[in-house]
């Protein structure tokens, strides 16, 4: 009895990653090269986005505190 499915041929091992070439610079040199590619925000952009983050964190904390106090008040009314 012969099977009608073709046999798989063994695959050769895949080549190492070609995206990140191995250099003699090492980790620190590669890190510095990557940091040169970063698009840094302007001072105005940094300021406005920082204010937005601080505002959202403050509003989130206030709403969590309000909900917590409400449930605490409700629990104190129920379990006197």
Protein backbone atom coordinates (compact mmCIF):
# COMPACT_ATOMS: atom_id res chain seq x y z
CA UNK A 1 0.00 0.00 0.00
CA UNK A 2 1.42 3.38 -0.96
CA UNK A 3 0.23 6.68 0.34
CA UNK A 4 -0.90 9.31 -2.10
CA UNK A 5 0.40 12.26 -0.04
CA UNK A 6 3.79 13.61 -0.99
CA UNK A 7 6.52 13.28 1.58
CA UNK A 8 7.82 16.45 3.14
CA UNK A 9 11.39 17.33 2.44
CA UNK A 10 13.44 18.49 5.41
CA UNK A 11 13.76 22.24 5.51
CA UNK A 12 17.12 23.91 5.87
CA UNK A 13 17.57 25.98 9.01
CA UNK A 14 16.37 29.54 8.62
CA UNK A 15 19.05 32.22 8.32
CA UNK A 16 19.62 34.48 11.30
CA UNK A 17 17.68 37.74 11.52
CA UNK A 18 18.77 40.04 8.75
CA UNK A 19 16.97 43.06 10.26
CA UNK A 20 19.47 43.62 13.07
CA UNK A 21 22.99 43.27 11.76
CA UNK A 22 25.56 42.20 14.29
CA UNK A 23 28.05 44.99 14.80
CA UNK A 24 31.03 45.45 17.01
CA UNK A 25 29.48 48.55 18.59
CA UNK A 26 27.55 46.53 21.09
CA UNK A 27 24.46 47.37 23.04
CA UNK A 28 25.34 50.96 24.01
CA UNK A 29 26.27 51.99 20.48
CA UNK A 30 23.11 50.46 19.05
CA UNK A 31 21.04 52.20 21.71
CA UNK A 32 22.55 55.57 20.84
CA UNK A 33 21.89 54.95 17.14
CA UNK A 34 18.24 54.15 17.89
CA UNK A 35 17.86 57.25 20.08
CA UNK A 36 19.05 59.39 17.16
CA UNK A 37 16.04 58.12 15.17
CA UNK A 38 13.51 59.20 17.81
CA UNK A 39 11.30 62.17 16.92
CA UNK A 40 11.39 64.22 20.11
CA UNK A 41 8.42 66.50 20.95
CA UNK A 42 8.73 70.25 20.99
CA UNK A 43 8.65 72.14 24.28
CA UNK A 44 5.07 73.35 23.62
CA UNK A 45 3.90 69.84 22.72
CA UNK A 46 5.56 68.38 25.82
CA UNK A 47 3.95 71.03 28.06
CA UNK A 48 0.43 70.67 26.63
CA UNK A 49 0.48 66.87 26.69
CA UNK A 50 1.85 66.85 30.25
CA UNK A 51 -0.99 69.15 31.35
CA UNK A 52 -3.50 66.82 29.62
CA UNK A 53 -2.08 63.77 31.42
CA UNK A 54 -2.07 65.52 34.81
CA UNK A 55 -5.65 66.69 34.26
CA UNK A 56 -6.89 63.23 33.27
CA UNK A 57 -5.14 61.54 36.21
CA UNK A 58 -6.65 64.11 38.59
CA UNK A 59 -10.15 63.65 37.16
CA UNK A 60 -9.82 59.86 37.28
CA UNK A 61 -8.63 59.94 40.89
CA UNK A 62 -11.48 62.28 41.86
CA UNK A 63 -14.10 60.09 40.20
CA UNK A 64 -12.72 56.93 41.84
CA UNK A 65 -12.70 58.68 45.22
CA UNK A 66 -16.30 59.87 44.70
CA UNK A 67 -17.52 56.39 43.80
CA UNK A 68 -15.63 54.90 46.74
CA UNK A 69 -17.10 57.43 49.18
CA UNK A 70 -20.59 56.84 47.78
CA UNK A 71 -20.34 53.08 48.25
CA UNK A 72 -18.82 53.61 51.71
CA UNK A 73 -21.72 55.87 52.64
CA UNK A 74 -24.21 53.34 51.25
CA UNK A 75 -22.59 50.49 53.17
CA UNK A 76 -22.67 52.52 56.39
CA UNK A 77 -26.39 53.16 55.90
CA UNK A 78 -27.10 49.47 55.34
CA UNK A 79 -24.82 47.92 57.99
CA UNK A 80 -25.41 50.16 61.00
